[in-house]
Amino acid sequence: MMREQDVLDVLNLLADAGLTAWVDGGWGVDALLAVTTREHEDLDLVVRLDEIDMVRTALARAGFTTVLRDWLPTALAVADHTGRSVDLHPITRSPDGGGHQALLDGDSFHYPPPVRGLIGGQVVACVDPATQMLCHVGYELTEKDRADMANLRAIYGPVVSHPSGHDRAP
């Protein structure tokens, strides 16, 4: 499990190293809601592909040395000896302040620039609500996914289109 303090520790570690990271996934939803709504198995982060080696080094210094999945340049997941895990979504920066993630099928997914969220009272960069909802399209949602989407809709309304116009999620 990745607890609130674990998330803040990882974000602070990366920030102290001068690295870019936006919170995505379940913690990204909670950041948008400014409240921790449930337990989280991992921490999803959007990071810059040109910084991936430095991100890996910083995470390894914090004990995240076990590679769970290496699908670079699309994704990389690492864990520590306690089972905490970080799932990295590398992007190549785009002129709008967002970035493009290479997908396994050769296509790409555009992340718009990050927005402000809160985790444990700390301001964090996170994925915007429309992109969060888009990333939950095209597969059978779990109970926690349905709850996350309901929580987002309760605050942000029925965000139905992605600012970039893309309809594919990573």
N, C-alpha and C. Protein backbone atom coordinates (compact mmCIF):
# COMPACT_ATOMS: atom_id res chain seq x y z
N MET A 1 0.83 -1.19 0.00
CA MET A 1 0.00 0.00 0.00
C MET A 1 0.87 1.25 0.00
N MET A 2 0.40 2.24 -0.73
CA MET A 2 1.04 3.56 -0.72
C MET A 2 0.14 4.49 0.09
N ARG A 3 0.65 4.90 1.22
CA ARG A 3 -0.10 5.79 2.08
C ARG A 3 0.21 7.25 1.74
N GLU A 4 -0.59 8.13 2.29
CA GLU A 4 -0.44 9.56 2.01
C GLU A 4 0.99 10.05 2.23
N GLN A 5 1.58 9.69 3.36
CA GLN A 5 2.94 10.14 3.64
C GLN A 5 3.94 9.54 2.66
N ASP A 6 3.72 8.28 2.24
CA ASP A 6 4.59 7.67 1.23
C ASP A 6 4.57 8.48 -0.06
N VAL A 7 3.38 8.88 -0.48
CA VAL A 7 3.23 9.67 -1.70
C VAL A 7 3.99 10.99 -1.57
N LEU A 8 3.78 11.67 -0.47
CA LEU A 8 4.46 12.95 -0.25
C LEU A 8 5.97 12.77 -0.20
N ASP A 9 6.43 11.69 0.43
CA ASP A 9 7.87 11.42 0.48
C ASP A 9 8.44 11.23 -0.91
N VAL A 10 7.75 10.46 -1.76
CA VAL A 10 8.23 10.23 -3.12
C VAL A 10 8.22 11.53 -3.91
N LEU A 11 7.14 12.29 -3.83
CA LEU A 11 7.06 13.56 -4.55
C LEU A 11 8.14 14.54 -4.08
N ASN A 12 8.37 14.62 -2.78
CA ASN A 12 9.40 15.51 -2.26
C ASN A 12 10.79 15.05 -2.68
N LEU A 13 11.02 13.75 -2.69
CA LEU A 13 12.30 13.19 -3.15
C LEU A 13 12.58 13.62 -4.59
N LEU A 14 11.58 13.47 -5.46
CA LEU A 14 11.76 13.82 -6.86
C LEU A 14 11.90 15.33 -7.03
N ALA A 15 11.12 16.10 -6.30
CA ALA A 15 11.22 17.57 -6.38
C ALA A 15 12.59 18.04 -5.91
N ASP A 16 13.09 17.46 -4.82
CA ASP A 16 14.41 17.83 -4.30
C ASP A 16 15.51 17.54 -5.31
N ALA A 17 15.28 16.54 -6.17
CA ALA A 17 16.26 16.20 -7.21
C ALA A 17 16.04 17.03 -8.47
N GLY A 18 15.05 17.94 -8.43
CA GLY A 18 14.77 18.80 -9.58
C GLY A 18 14.04 18.10 -10.71
N LEU A 19 13.31 17.02 -10.38
CA LEU A 19 12.64 16.22 -11.40
C LEU A 19 11.14 16.52 -11.45
N THR A 20 10.55 16.31 -12.60
CA THR A 20 9.15 16.57 -12.85
C THR A 20 8.31 15.34 -12.54
N ALA A 21 7.20 15.51 -11.83
CA ALA A 21 6.29 14.39 -11.56
C ALA A 21 4.89 14.94 -11.32
N TRP A 22 3.90 14.37 -12.03
CA TRP A 22 2.50 14.70 -11.83
C TRP A 22 1.81 13.46 -11.33
N VAL A 23 0.94 13.61 -10.37
CA VAL A 23 0.22 12.48 -9.79
C VAL A 23 -0.93 12.09 -10.72
N ASP A 24 -1.05 10.80 -10.97
CA ASP A 24 -2.05 10.23 -11.88
C ASP A 24 -2.77 9.12 -11.12
N GLY A 25 -3.69 8.45 -11.78
CA GLY A 25 -4.36 7.29 -11.20
C GLY A 25 -5.18 7.64 -9.97
N GLY A 26 -5.31 6.68 -9.07
CA GLY A 26 -6.13 6.86 -7.88
C GLY A 26 -5.68 8.01 -7.00
N TRP A 27 -4.38 8.14 -6.79
CA TRP A 27 -3.89 9.27 -6.00
C TRP A 27 -4.13 10.58 -6.73
N GLY A 28 -4.11 10.54 -8.08
CA GLY A 28 -4.42 11.74 -8.84
C GLY A 28 -5.86 12.17 -8.64
N VAL A 29 -6.77 11.21 -8.58
CA VAL A 29 -8.17 11.51 -8.30
C VAL A 29 -8.28 12.12 -6.90
N ASP A 30 -7.64 11.50 -5.93
CA ASP A 30 -7.70 12.03 -4.57
C ASP A 30 -7.08 13.42 -4.48
N ALA A 31 -6.02 13.69 -5.26
CA ALA A 31 -5.42 15.02 -5.27
C ALA A 31 -6.42 16.04 -5.81
N LEU A 32 -7.16 15.67 -6.85
CA LEU A 32 -8.18 16.58 -7.39
C LEU A 32 -9.30 16.84 -6.38
N LEU A 33 -9.62 15.82 -5.59
CA LEU A 33 -10.67 15.94 -4.58
C LEU A 33 -10.17 16.59 -3.30
N ALA A 34 -8.83 16.66 -3.14
CA ALA A 34 -8.17 17.24 -1.96
C ALA A 34 -8.47 16.44 -0.69
N VAL A 35 -8.75 15.14 -0.87
CA VAL A 35 -9.00 14.27 0.28
C VAL A 35 -8.65 12.83 -0.12
N THR A 36 -8.11 12.09 0.83
CA THR A 36 -7.82 10.68 0.59
C THR A 36 -9.10 9.90 0.79
N THR A 37 -9.59 9.27 -0.28
CA THR A 37 -10.89 8.60 -0.23
C THR A 37 -10.81 7.10 0.02
N ARG A 38 -9.63 6.51 -0.22
CA ARG A 38 -9.51 5.06 -0.11
C ARG A 38 -8.04 4.68 0.00
N GLU A 39 -7.79 3.38 0.23
CA GLU A 39 -6.43 2.87 0.19
C GLU A 39 -5.99 2.74 -1.26
N HIS A 40 -4.69 2.90 -1.48
CA HIS A 40 -4.13 2.83 -2.83
C HIS A 40 -3.00 1.81 -2.86
N GLU A 41 -3.06 0.94 -3.87
CA GLU A 41 -2.03 -0.09 -4.01
C GLU A 41 -0.70 0.48 -4.49
N ASP A 42 -0.76 1.55 -5.30
CA ASP A 42 0.47 2.09 -5.86
C ASP A 42 0.32 3.59 -6.05
N LEU A 43 1.37 4.20 -6.56
CA LEU A 43 1.37 5.61 -6.90
C LEU A 43 1.69 5.70 -8.38
N ASP A 44 0.77 6.27 -9.16
CA ASP A 44 1.00 6.49 -10.59
C ASP A 44 1.53 7.91 -10.77
N LEU A 45 2.63 8.02 -11.52
CA LEU A 45 3.23 9.32 -11.77
C LEU A 45 3.51 9.51 -13.26
N VAL A 46 3.18 10.68 -13.77
CA VAL A 46 3.60 11.10 -15.09
C VAL A 46 4.96 11.77 -14.88
N VAL A 47 5.97 11.29 -15.61
CA VAL A 47 7.32 11.82 -15.50
C VAL A 47 7.84 12.11 -16.91
N ARG A 48 8.89 12.88 -16.99
CA ARG A 48 9.48 13.18 -18.30
C ARG A 48 10.39 12.03 -18.74
N LEU A 49 10.24 11.61 -19.98
CA LEU A 49 11.06 10.53 -20.52
C LEU A 49 12.53 10.91 -20.49
N ASP A 50 12.86 12.17 -20.75
CA ASP A 50 14.27 12.58 -20.73
C ASP A 50 14.85 12.61 -19.32
N GLU A 51 14.02 12.44 -18.30
CA GLU A 51 14.48 12.39 -16.91
C GLU A 51 14.36 10.99 -16.31
N ILE A 52 13.93 10.01 -17.10
CA ILE A 52 13.60 8.69 -16.54
C ILE A 52 14.78 8.04 -15.81
N ASP A 53 15.98 8.17 -16.32
CA ASP A 53 17.14 7.57 -15.62
C ASP A 53 17.36 8.22 -14.26
N MET A 54 17.20 9.54 -14.19
CA MET A 54 17.36 10.25 -12.92
C MET A 54 16.23 9.90 -11.95
N VAL A 55 15.01 9.73 -12.48
CA VAL A 55 13.88 9.31 -11.64
C VAL A 55 14.16 7.93 -11.07
N ARG A 56 14.62 7.02 -11.92
CA ARG A 56 14.93 5.65 -11.46
C ARG A 56 16.00 5.67 -10.37
N THR A 57 17.02 6.50 -10.57
CA THR A 57 18.11 6.59 -9.58
C THR A 57 17.59 7.13 -8.25
N ALA A 58 16.79 8.18 -8.30
CA ALA A 58 16.24 8.76 -7.07
C ALA A 58 15.34 7.75 -6.35
N LEU A 59 14.49 7.07 -7.11
CA LEU A 59 13.62 6.06 -6.49
C LEU A 59 14.42 4.90 -5.93
N ALA A 60 15.47 4.49 -6.62
CA ALA A 60 16.32 3.39 -6.12
C ALA A 60 16.97 3.77 -4.80
N ARG A 61 17.39 5.03 -4.67
CA ARG A 61 17.98 5.48 -3.40
C ARG A 61 16.97 5.40 -2.27
N ALA A 62 15.68 5.49 -2.61
CA ALA A 62 14.62 5.39 -1.60
C ALA A 62 14.15 3.95 -1.42
N GLY A 63 14.83 2.99 -2.09
CA GLY A 63 14.52 1.58 -1.90
C GLY A 63 13.66 0.96 -2.98
N PHE A 64 13.24 1.72 -3.97
CA PHE A 64 12.40 1.18 -5.05
C PHE A 64 13.31 0.57 -6.12
N THR A 65 13.77 -0.64 -5.85
CA THR A 65 14.76 -1.28 -6.72
C THR A 65 14.24 -2.48 -7.50
N THR A 66 13.09 -3.00 -7.12
CA THR A 66 12.52 -4.16 -7.81
C THR A 66 11.70 -3.69 -9.00
N VAL A 67 12.06 -4.13 -10.20
CA VAL A 67 11.31 -3.77 -11.39
C VAL A 67 10.13 -4.74 -11.53
N LEU A 68 8.93 -4.20 -11.50
CA LEU A 68 7.72 -5.01 -11.65
C LEU A 68 7.32 -5.14 -13.10
N ARG A 69 7.55 -4.06 -13.85
CA ARG A 69 7.18 -4.04 -15.27
C ARG A 69 8.06 -3.00 -15.96
N ASP A 70 8.73 -3.40 -17.03
CA ASP A 70 9.53 -2.47 -17.81
C ASP A 70 9.04 -2.50 -19.24
N TRP A 71 8.19 -1.55 -19.57
CA TRP A 71 7.64 -1.41 -20.91
C TRP A 71 8.10 -0.09 -21.52
N LEU A 72 9.29 0.34 -21.12
CA LEU A 72 9.79 1.62 -21.62
C LEU A 72 9.87 1.61 -23.13
N PRO A 73 9.49 2.69 -23.79
CA PRO A 73 9.26 4.02 -23.21
C PRO A 73 7.83 4.28 -22.74
N THR A 74 6.98 3.25 -22.71
CA THR A 74 5.57 3.44 -22.33
C THR A 74 5.37 3.51 -20.82
N ALA A 75 5.95 2.61 -20.08
CA ALA A 75 5.72 2.56 -18.64
C ALA A 75 6.83 1.79 -17.95
N LEU A 76 6.99 2.09 -16.67
CA LEU A 76 7.94 1.39 -15.81
C LEU A 76 7.35 1.37 -14.41
N ALA A 77 7.27 0.20 -13.81
CA ALA A 77 6.77 0.08 -12.44
C ALA A 77 7.87 -0.51 -11.56
N VAL A 78 8.09 0.12 -10.40
CA VAL A 78 9.11 -0.33 -9.46
C VAL A 78 8.51 -0.44 -8.07
N ALA A 79 9.12 -1.31 -7.25
CA ALA A 79 8.63 -1.52 -5.89
C ALA A 79 9.80 -1.56 -4.92
N ASP A 80 9.47 -1.36 -3.65
CA ASP A 80 10.49 -1.52 -2.62
C ASP A 80 10.26 -2.84 -1.89
N HIS A 81 11.08 -3.15 -0.90
CA HIS A 81 11.00 -4.44 -0.21
C HIS A 81 9.74 -4.59 0.64
N THR A 82 9.02 -3.49 0.90
CA THR A 82 7.79 -3.58 1.68
C THR A 82 6.55 -3.76 0.81
N GLY A 83 6.74 -3.69 -0.51
CA GLY A 83 5.62 -3.85 -1.43
C GLY A 83 5.02 -2.54 -1.92
N ARG A 84 5.55 -1.40 -1.45
CA ARG A 84 5.09 -0.13 -2.00
C ARG A 84 5.56 -0.04 -3.44
N SER A 85 4.72 0.48 -4.34
CA SER A 85 5.13 0.54 -5.74
C SER A 85 4.78 1.87 -6.38
N VAL A 86 5.58 2.22 -7.38
CA VAL A 86 5.40 3.44 -8.15
C VAL A 86 5.35 3.04 -9.61
N ASP A 87 4.30 3.47 -10.30
CA ASP A 87 4.09 3.17 -11.71
C ASP A 87 4.33 4.46 -12.49
N LEU A 88 5.38 4.46 -13.30
CA LEU A 88 5.80 5.65 -14.03
C LEU A 88 5.23 5.65 -15.45
N HIS A 89 4.72 6.81 -15.87
CA HIS A 89 4.17 7.01 -17.20
C HIS A 89 5.01 8.12 -17.87
N PRO A 90 6.07 7.74 -18.60
CA PRO A 90 6.96 8.75 -19.18
C PRO A 90 6.32 9.48 -20.36
N ILE A 91 6.59 10.77 -20.43
CA ILE A 91 6.09 11.59 -21.53
C ILE A 91 7.24 12.36 -22.17
N THR A 92 7.05 12.69 -23.43
CA THR A 92 7.91 13.63 -24.12
C THR A 92 7.17 14.96 -24.11
N ARG A 93 7.81 15.99 -23.65
CA ARG A 93 7.15 17.29 -23.48
C ARG A 93 6.58 17.81 -24.78
N SER A 94 5.46 18.50 -24.65
CA SER A 94 4.81 19.13 -25.81
C SER A 94 4.73 20.64 -25.56
N PRO A 95 4.55 21.42 -26.62
CA PRO A 95 4.54 22.88 -26.48
C PRO A 95 3.47 23.43 -25.53
N ASP A 96 2.39 22.70 -25.32
CA ASP A 96 1.32 23.20 -24.45
C ASP A 96 1.62 23.03 -22.96
N GLY A 97 2.78 22.45 -22.63
CA GLY A 97 3.12 22.22 -21.23
C GLY A 97 2.76 20.83 -20.75
N GLY A 98 2.12 20.07 -21.62
CA GLY A 98 1.80 18.67 -21.32
C GLY A 98 2.85 17.77 -21.94
N GLY A 99 2.41 16.61 -22.40
CA GLY A 99 3.35 15.70 -23.03
C GLY A 99 2.67 14.51 -23.66
N HIS A 100 3.45 13.81 -24.48
CA HIS A 100 2.95 12.64 -25.18
C HIS A 100 3.60 11.38 -24.62
N GLN A 101 2.76 10.40 -24.29
CA GLN A 101 3.23 9.10 -23.82
C GLN A 101 3.15 8.13 -24.99
N ALA A 102 4.26 7.46 -25.28
CA ALA A 102 4.26 6.43 -26.31
C ALA A 102 3.45 5.24 -25.81
N LEU A 103 2.56 4.73 -26.65
CA LEU A 103 1.75 3.56 -26.28
C LEU A 103 2.37 2.31 -26.88
N LEU A 104 2.04 1.17 -26.33
CA LEU A 104 2.62 -0.10 -26.77
C LEU A 104 2.32 -0.41 -28.23
N ASP A 105 1.19 0.09 -28.74
CA ASP A 105 0.81 -0.21 -30.13
C ASP A 105 1.45 0.76 -31.13
N GLY A 106 2.33 1.65 -30.65
CA GLY A 106 2.98 2.60 -31.53
C GLY A 106 2.29 3.95 -31.60
N ASP A 107 1.07 4.05 -31.09
CA ASP A 107 0.35 5.31 -31.05
C ASP A 107 0.87 6.11 -29.86
N SER A 108 0.25 7.25 -29.59
CA SER A 108 0.64 8.03 -28.42
C SER A 108 -0.60 8.61 -27.75
N PHE A 109 -0.45 8.97 -26.50
CA PHE A 109 -1.52 9.57 -25.71
C PHE A 109 -1.02 10.92 -25.21
N HIS A 110 -1.86 11.94 -25.34
CA HIS A 110 -1.46 13.27 -24.90
C HIS A 110 -2.01 13.57 -23.50
N TYR A 111 -1.09 13.94 -22.61
CA TYR A 111 -1.46 14.47 -21.30
C TYR A 111 -1.40 15.98 -21.39
N PRO A 112 -2.51 16.67 -21.12
CA PRO A 112 -2.47 18.14 -21.05
C PRO A 112 -1.58 18.57 -19.88
N PRO A 113 -1.29 19.87 -19.77
CA PRO A 113 -0.48 20.33 -18.64
C PRO A 113 -1.13 19.94 -17.31
N PRO A 114 -0.33 19.77 -16.28
CA PRO A 114 -0.90 19.39 -14.98
C PRO A 114 -1.70 20.53 -14.37
N VAL A 115 -2.55 20.13 -13.44
CA VAL A 115 -3.32 21.08 -12.65
C VAL A 115 -2.92 20.92 -11.19
N ARG A 116 -3.44 21.79 -10.37
CA ARG A 116 -3.12 21.77 -8.94
C ARG A 116 -4.05 20.82 -8.20
N GLY A 117 -3.47 20.04 -7.31
CA GLY A 117 -4.23 19.20 -6.41
C GLY A 117 -3.64 19.29 -5.02
N LEU A 118 -4.27 18.58 -4.09
CA LEU A 118 -3.78 18.55 -2.71
C LEU A 118 -3.74 17.13 -2.20
N ILE A 119 -2.63 16.78 -1.59
CA ILE A 119 -2.50 15.51 -0.88
C ILE A 119 -1.95 15.83 0.50
N GLY A 120 -2.68 15.47 1.52
CA GLY A 120 -2.24 15.75 2.89
C GLY A 120 -1.98 17.22 3.13
N GLY A 121 -2.74 18.08 2.47
CA GLY A 121 -2.57 19.51 2.62
C GLY A 121 -1.43 20.10 1.80
N GLN A 122 -0.66 19.26 1.12
CA GLN A 122 0.45 19.73 0.29
C GLN A 122 -0.01 19.87 -1.16
N VAL A 123 0.32 21.00 -1.77
CA VAL A 123 -0.01 21.22 -3.18
C VAL A 123 0.86 20.30 -4.03
N VAL A 124 0.20 19.61 -4.98
CA VAL A 124 0.90 18.72 -5.90
C VAL A 124 0.41 18.98 -7.31
N ALA A 125 1.26 18.69 -8.28
CA ALA A 125 0.85 18.71 -9.69
C ALA A 125 0.15 17.39 -9.96
N CYS A 126 -0.99 17.45 -10.66
CA CYS A 126 -1.71 16.22 -10.96
C CYS A 126 -2.40 16.31 -12.32
N VAL A 127 -2.83 15.17 -12.80
CA VAL A 127 -3.52 15.05 -14.07
C VAL A 127 -4.92 15.65 -13.92
N ASP A 128 -5.36 16.39 -14.94
CA ASP A 128 -6.64 17.09 -14.90
C ASP A 128 -7.83 16.12 -14.88
N PRO A 129 -9.02 16.60 -14.46
CA PRO A 129 -10.19 15.72 -14.35
C PRO A 129 -10.61 15.06 -15.67
N ALA A 130 -10.59 15.80 -16.78
CA ALA A 130 -11.01 15.22 -18.06
C ALA A 130 -10.11 14.06 -18.47
N THR A 131 -8.81 14.21 -18.26
CA THR A 131 -7.87 13.13 -18.61
C THR A 131 -8.06 11.95 -17.67
N GLN A 132 -8.29 12.22 -16.39
CA GLN A 132 -8.57 11.13 -15.45
C GLN A 132 -9.76 10.31 -15.92
N MET A 133 -10.82 11.00 -16.33
CA MET A 133 -12.01 10.29 -16.80
C MET A 133 -11.73 9.54 -18.10
N LEU A 134 -10.99 10.15 -19.00
CA LEU A 134 -10.64 9.50 -20.26
C LEU A 134 -9.83 8.22 -20.01
N CYS A 135 -8.99 8.24 -19.03
CA CYS A 135 -8.17 7.06 -18.71
C CYS A 135 -8.99 5.92 -18.11
N HIS A 136 -10.25 6.17 -17.85
CA HIS A 136 -11.13 5.13 -17.31
C HIS A 136 -12.19 4.70 -18.33
N VAL A 137 -11.86 4.83 -19.60
CA VAL A 137 -12.74 4.44 -20.69
C VAL A 137 -12.11 3.25 -21.42
N GLY A 138 -12.96 2.32 -21.88
CA GLY A 138 -12.46 1.26 -22.73
C GLY A 138 -12.12 -0.04 -22.01
N TYR A 139 -12.44 -0.12 -20.74
CA TYR A 139 -12.22 -1.37 -20.01
C TYR A 139 -13.28 -1.49 -18.92
N GLU A 140 -13.42 -2.69 -18.38
CA GLU A 140 -14.39 -2.95 -17.31
C GLU A 140 -13.89 -2.30 -16.02
N LEU A 141 -14.63 -1.33 -15.53
CA LEU A 141 -14.23 -0.61 -14.32
C LEU A 141 -14.41 -1.49 -13.09
N THR A 142 -13.47 -1.36 -12.16
CA THR A 142 -13.59 -2.03 -10.88
C THR A 142 -14.47 -1.17 -9.98
N GLU A 143 -14.82 -1.68 -8.84
CA GLU A 143 -15.62 -0.92 -7.88
C GLU A 143 -14.89 0.36 -7.47
N LYS A 144 -13.57 0.27 -7.24
CA LYS A 144 -12.83 1.47 -6.85
C LYS A 144 -12.78 2.48 -8.00
N ASP A 145 -12.68 2.01 -9.26
CA ASP A 145 -12.72 2.92 -10.41
C ASP A 145 -14.06 3.64 -10.49
N ARG A 146 -15.16 2.89 -10.31
CA ARG A 146 -16.49 3.50 -10.35
C ARG A 146 -16.64 4.56 -9.25
N ALA A 147 -16.13 4.25 -8.07
CA ALA A 147 -16.19 5.21 -6.97
C ALA A 147 -15.36 6.45 -7.28
N ASP A 148 -14.15 6.25 -7.83
CA ASP A 148 -13.30 7.38 -8.20
C ASP A 148 -14.01 8.29 -9.21
N MET A 149 -14.61 7.69 -10.23
CA MET A 149 -15.29 8.48 -11.27
C MET A 149 -16.52 9.19 -10.70
N ALA A 150 -17.27 8.53 -9.82
CA ALA A 150 -18.43 9.16 -9.19
C ALA A 150 -17.98 10.35 -8.34
N ASN A 151 -16.88 10.19 -7.62
CA ASN A 151 -16.36 11.29 -6.81
C ASN A 151 -15.93 12.47 -7.67
N LEU A 152 -15.27 12.19 -8.80
CA LEU A 152 -14.88 13.27 -9.71
C LEU A 152 -16.10 13.98 -10.29
N ARG A 153 -17.10 13.19 -10.74
CA ARG A 153 -18.31 13.79 -11.31
C ARG A 153 -19.03 14.65 -10.28
N ALA A 154 -19.00 14.25 -9.02
CA ALA A 154 -19.68 15.01 -7.98
C ALA A 154 -19.07 16.41 -7.81
N ILE A 155 -17.79 16.53 -8.05
CA ILE A 155 -17.10 17.81 -7.90
C ILE A 155 -17.01 18.57 -9.23
N TYR A 156 -16.66 17.86 -10.29
CA TYR A 156 -16.36 18.51 -11.57
C TYR A 156 -17.46 18.37 -12.61
N GLY A 157 -18.50 17.62 -12.32
CA GLY A 157 -19.56 17.41 -13.29
C GLY A 157 -19.18 16.33 -14.30
N PRO A 158 -20.02 16.15 -15.31
CA PRO A 158 -19.76 15.09 -16.30
C PRO A 158 -18.75 15.53 -17.34
N VAL A 159 -17.48 15.53 -16.98
CA VAL A 159 -16.41 15.88 -17.92
C VAL A 159 -16.37 14.77 -18.96
N VAL A 160 -16.75 15.10 -20.19
CA VAL A 160 -16.89 14.05 -21.19
C VAL A 160 -15.88 14.14 -22.31
N SER A 161 -15.22 15.26 -22.49
CA SER A 161 -14.26 15.33 -23.59
C SER A 161 -12.90 15.76 -23.09
N HIS A 162 -11.89 15.23 -23.72
CA HIS A 162 -10.52 15.53 -23.39
C HIS A 162 -10.12 16.79 -24.16
N PRO A 163 -9.41 17.73 -23.54
CA PRO A 163 -9.06 18.97 -24.22
C PRO A 163 -8.32 18.77 -25.54
N SER A 164 -7.59 17.69 -25.68
CA SER A 164 -6.81 17.47 -26.91
C SER A 164 -7.67 16.88 -28.01
N GLY A 165 -8.86 16.39 -27.66
CA GLY A 165 -9.71 15.74 -28.66
C GLY A 165 -9.39 14.27 -28.86
N HIS A 166 -8.34 13.77 -28.22
CA HIS A 166 -8.01 12.35 -28.35
C HIS A 166 -9.01 11.50 -27.60
N ASP A 167 -9.25 10.32 -28.10
CA ASP A 167 -10.21 9.44 -27.44
C ASP A 167 -9.57 8.13 -27.00
N ARG A 168 -8.25 8.12 -26.91
CA ARG A 168 -7.54 6.91 -26.48
C ARG A 168 -6.87 7.18 -25.16
N ALA A 169 -6.90 6.22 -24.31
CA ALA A 169 -6.24 6.34 -23.02
C ALA A 169 -5.07 5.38 -22.97
N PRO A 170 -4.05 5.72 -22.18
CA PRO A 170 -2.89 4.84 -22.08
C PRO A 170 -3.22 3.56 -21.33
